[in-house]
Each structure stands twice: as structure tokens, then as C-alpha cells.
C-alpha atoms as a PDB file:
ATOM      1  CA  MET A   1     119.085 -22.491 -84.467  1.00  0.00           C
ATOM      2  CA  PRO A   2     119.576 -18.851 -83.825  1.00  0.00           C
ATOM      3  CA  THR A   3     119.894 -17.713 -80.135  1.00  0.00           C
ATOM      4  CA  ASP A   4     117.108 -15.629 -78.484  1.00  0.00           C
ATOM      5  CA  GLN A   5     119.373 -12.531 -78.952  1.00  0.00           C
ATOM      6  CA  GLN A   6     119.786 -13.120 -82.663  1.00  0.00           C
ATOM      7  CA  ARG A   7     116.015 -13.689 -82.893  1.00  0.00           C
ATOM      8  CA  ALA A   8     115.166 -10.523 -81.143  1.00  0.00           C
ATOM      9  CA  GLN A   9     117.851  -8.904 -83.496  1.00  0.00           C
ATOM     10  CA  ILE A  10     116.257 -10.310 -86.565  1.00  0.00           C
ATOM     11  CA  GLU A  11     112.945  -8.961 -85.329  1.00  0.00           C
ATOM     12  CA  SER A  12     114.227  -5.451 -84.735  1.00  0.00           C
ATOM     13  CA  LEU A  13     115.814  -5.573 -88.165  1.00  0.00           C
ATOM     14  CA  ALA A  14     112.349  -6.136 -89.699  1.00  0.00           C
ATOM     15  CA  GLN A  15     110.619  -3.348 -87.452  1.00  0.00           C
ATOM     16  CA  LEU A  16     113.357  -0.833 -88.363  1.00  0.00           C
ATOM     17  CA  GLU A  17     113.067  -1.499 -91.909  1.00  0.00           C
ATOM     18  CA  TYR A  18     109.072  -1.218 -91.929  1.00  0.00           C
ATOM     19  CA  ALA A  19     109.278   2.055 -89.828  1.00  0.00           C
ATOM     20  CA  ALA A  20     111.863   3.333 -92.327  1.00  0.00           C
ATOM     21  CA  LEU A  21     109.795   2.359 -95.455  1.00  0.00           C
ATOM     22  CA  LYS A  22     106.551   3.828 -93.750  1.00  0.00           C
ATOM     23  CA  CYS A  23     108.367   7.099 -92.995  1.00  0.00           C
ATOM     24  CA  GLU A  24     109.839   7.269 -96.705  1.00  0.00           C
ATOM     25  CA  ALA A  25     106.103   6.615 -97.689  1.00  0.00           C
ATOM     26  CA  GLU A  26     104.959   9.952 -96.423  1.00  0.00           C
ATOM     27  CA  ASN A  27     107.507  11.985 -98.070  1.00  0.00           C
ATOM     28  CA  THR A  28     108.017  15.145 -95.638  1.00  0.00           C
ATOM     29  CA  LEU A  29     111.082  16.669 -94.355  1.00  0.00           C
ATOM     30  CA  VAL A  30     110.461  15.310 -90.601  1.00  0.00           C
ATOM     31  CA  SER A  31     109.506  11.707 -92.084  1.00  0.00           C
ATOM     32  CA  MET A  32     112.473  11.491 -94.113  1.00  0.00           C
ATOM     33  CA  ARG A  33     114.567  12.416 -91.087  1.00  0.00           C
ATOM     34  CA  GLU A  34     113.046   9.707 -89.134  1.00  0.00           C
ATOM     35  CA  SER A  35     113.419   7.169 -91.844  1.00  0.00           C
ATOM     36  CA  ARG A  36     117.313   8.210 -92.111  1.00  0.00           C
ATOM     37  CA  GLU A  37     117.512   7.464 -88.052  1.00  0.00           C
ATOM     38  CA  HIS A  38     115.519   4.200 -88.534  1.00  0.00           C
ATOM     39  CA  ARG A  39     118.025   3.246 -91.258  1.00  0.00           C
ATOM     40  CA  ARG A  40     120.937   4.238 -89.210  1.00  0.00           C
ATOM     41  CA  LEU A  41     119.788   2.084 -86.235  1.00  0.00           C
ATOM     42  CA  LEU A  42     119.102  -0.721 -88.676  1.00  0.00           C
ATOM     43  CA  LEU A  43     122.728  -0.730 -89.722  1.00  0.00           C
ATOM     44  CA  ARG A  44     123.849  -0.943 -86.332  1.00  0.00           C
ATOM     45  CA  VAL A  45     121.536  -3.763 -85.318  1.00  0.00           C
ATOM     46  CA  LEU A  46     122.618  -5.516 -88.695  1.00  0.00           C
ATOM     47  CA  GLU A  47     126.354  -5.122 -87.615  1.00  0.00           C
ATOM     48  CA  ASP A  48     125.640  -6.614 -84.270  1.00  0.00           C
ATOM     49  CA  PHE A  49     123.672  -9.354 -85.856  1.00  0.00           C
ATOM     50  CA  GLU A  50     126.400 -10.064 -88.289  1.00  0.00           C
ATOM     51  CA  GLN A  51     128.859 -10.187 -85.439  1.00  0.00           C
ATOM     52  CA  SER A  52     126.818 -12.646 -83.496  1.00  0.00           C
ATOM     53  CA  LEU A  53     127.180 -14.944 -86.455  1.00  0.00           C
ATOM     54  CA  MET A  54     130.916 -15.069 -86.303  1.00  0.00           C
ATOM     55  CA  PRO A  55     132.311 -18.289 -84.439  1.00  0.00           C
ATOM     56  CA  ALA A  56     133.505 -17.489 -80.961  1.00  0.00           C
ATOM     57  CA  ARG A  57     137.355 -17.202 -80.709  1.00  0.00           C
ATOM     58  CA  GLY A  58     138.693 -20.374 -79.062  1.00  0.00           C
ATOM     59  CA  VAL A  59     141.277 -20.058 -76.432  1.00  0.00           C
ATOM     60  CA  GLN A  60     144.647 -19.580 -78.132  1.00  0.00           C
ATOM     61  CA  ARG A  61     147.569 -21.416 -76.925  1.00  0.00           C
ATOM     62  CA  ARG A  62     150.686 -19.779 -76.089  1.00  0.00           C
ATOM     63  CA  THR A  63     153.894 -20.247 -78.262  1.00  0.00           C
ATOM     64  CA  PRO A  64     156.063 -23.033 -76.532  1.00  0.00           C
ATOM     65  CA  ARG A  65     159.161 -21.854 -75.012  1.00  0.00           C
ATOM     66  CA  LEU A  66     162.553 -22.785 -76.276  1.00  0.00           C
ATOM     67  CA  THR A  67     163.190 -24.991 -73.247  1.00  0.00           C
ATOM     68  CA  GLU A  68     159.871 -26.932 -73.865  1.00  0.00           C
ATOM     69  CA  ILE A  69     160.701 -27.537 -77.632  1.00  0.00           C
ATOM     70  CA  ILE A  70     164.323 -28.908 -76.644  1.00  0.00           C
ATOM     71  CA  SER A  71     162.572 -31.234 -73.719  1.00  0.00           C
ATOM     72  CA  GLU A  72     160.311 -32.592 -76.351  1.00  0.00           C
ATOM     73  CA  ALA A  73     162.678 -33.035 -78.823  1.00  0.00           C
ATOM     74  CA  THR A  74     165.251 -34.853 -76.761  1.00  0.00           C
ATOM     75  CA  GLY A  75     162.633 -37.083 -75.102  1.00  0.00           C
ATOM     76  CA  HIS A  76     162.823 -35.579 -71.750  1.00  0.00           C
ATOM     77  CA  GLY A  77     159.568 -33.544 -72.165  1.00  0.00           C
ATOM     78  CA  ARG A  78     155.964 -34.420 -70.751  1.00  0.00           C
ATOM     79  CA  GLY A  79     155.317 -38.086 -70.880  1.00  0.00           C
ATOM     80  CA  GLY A  80     158.522 -39.072 -72.421  1.00  0.00           C
END
């Protein structure tokens, strides 16, 4: 299920695309400039949306120290 933020982004994408198409249909210099601006914003929102689909980065475990590796190998480590 999409989050509220993702839903808002999807809605923004649709609105920006519609506005860009509407401006392109007018086919004037000013409307074409506005269309480019709508597309630029659309790409920015799309990038944010795609980032929101990426799984969250988990907490990375640190690399064990040499003494911890040796203790576990010799049975003197945690729980051993």
C-alpha cells in the first residue's frame, strides 16, 4: 500500500503532466516555457517518488574485532 506521502507524489505527478500537456497544446513561446518548467518539476517529484520506493537501509552491523573473532573461535566468547 502506498503511504500518504507517495499518494501525494502520485497526485502531483498527474497534475504536473496534465499542466505540461495543456501548455504544450497552446503552442506559444510562454506556454512552452511553462511546459518545460512543469516537466522539470515532474522529474524532480518522480525522482523523490522512486527514492521512496527503495527499501529503507537497515542498521549495518560493524565488523567484528579480531579479539572477538578469536574469543568466539576458542569458545571464550559470548555464551560459550
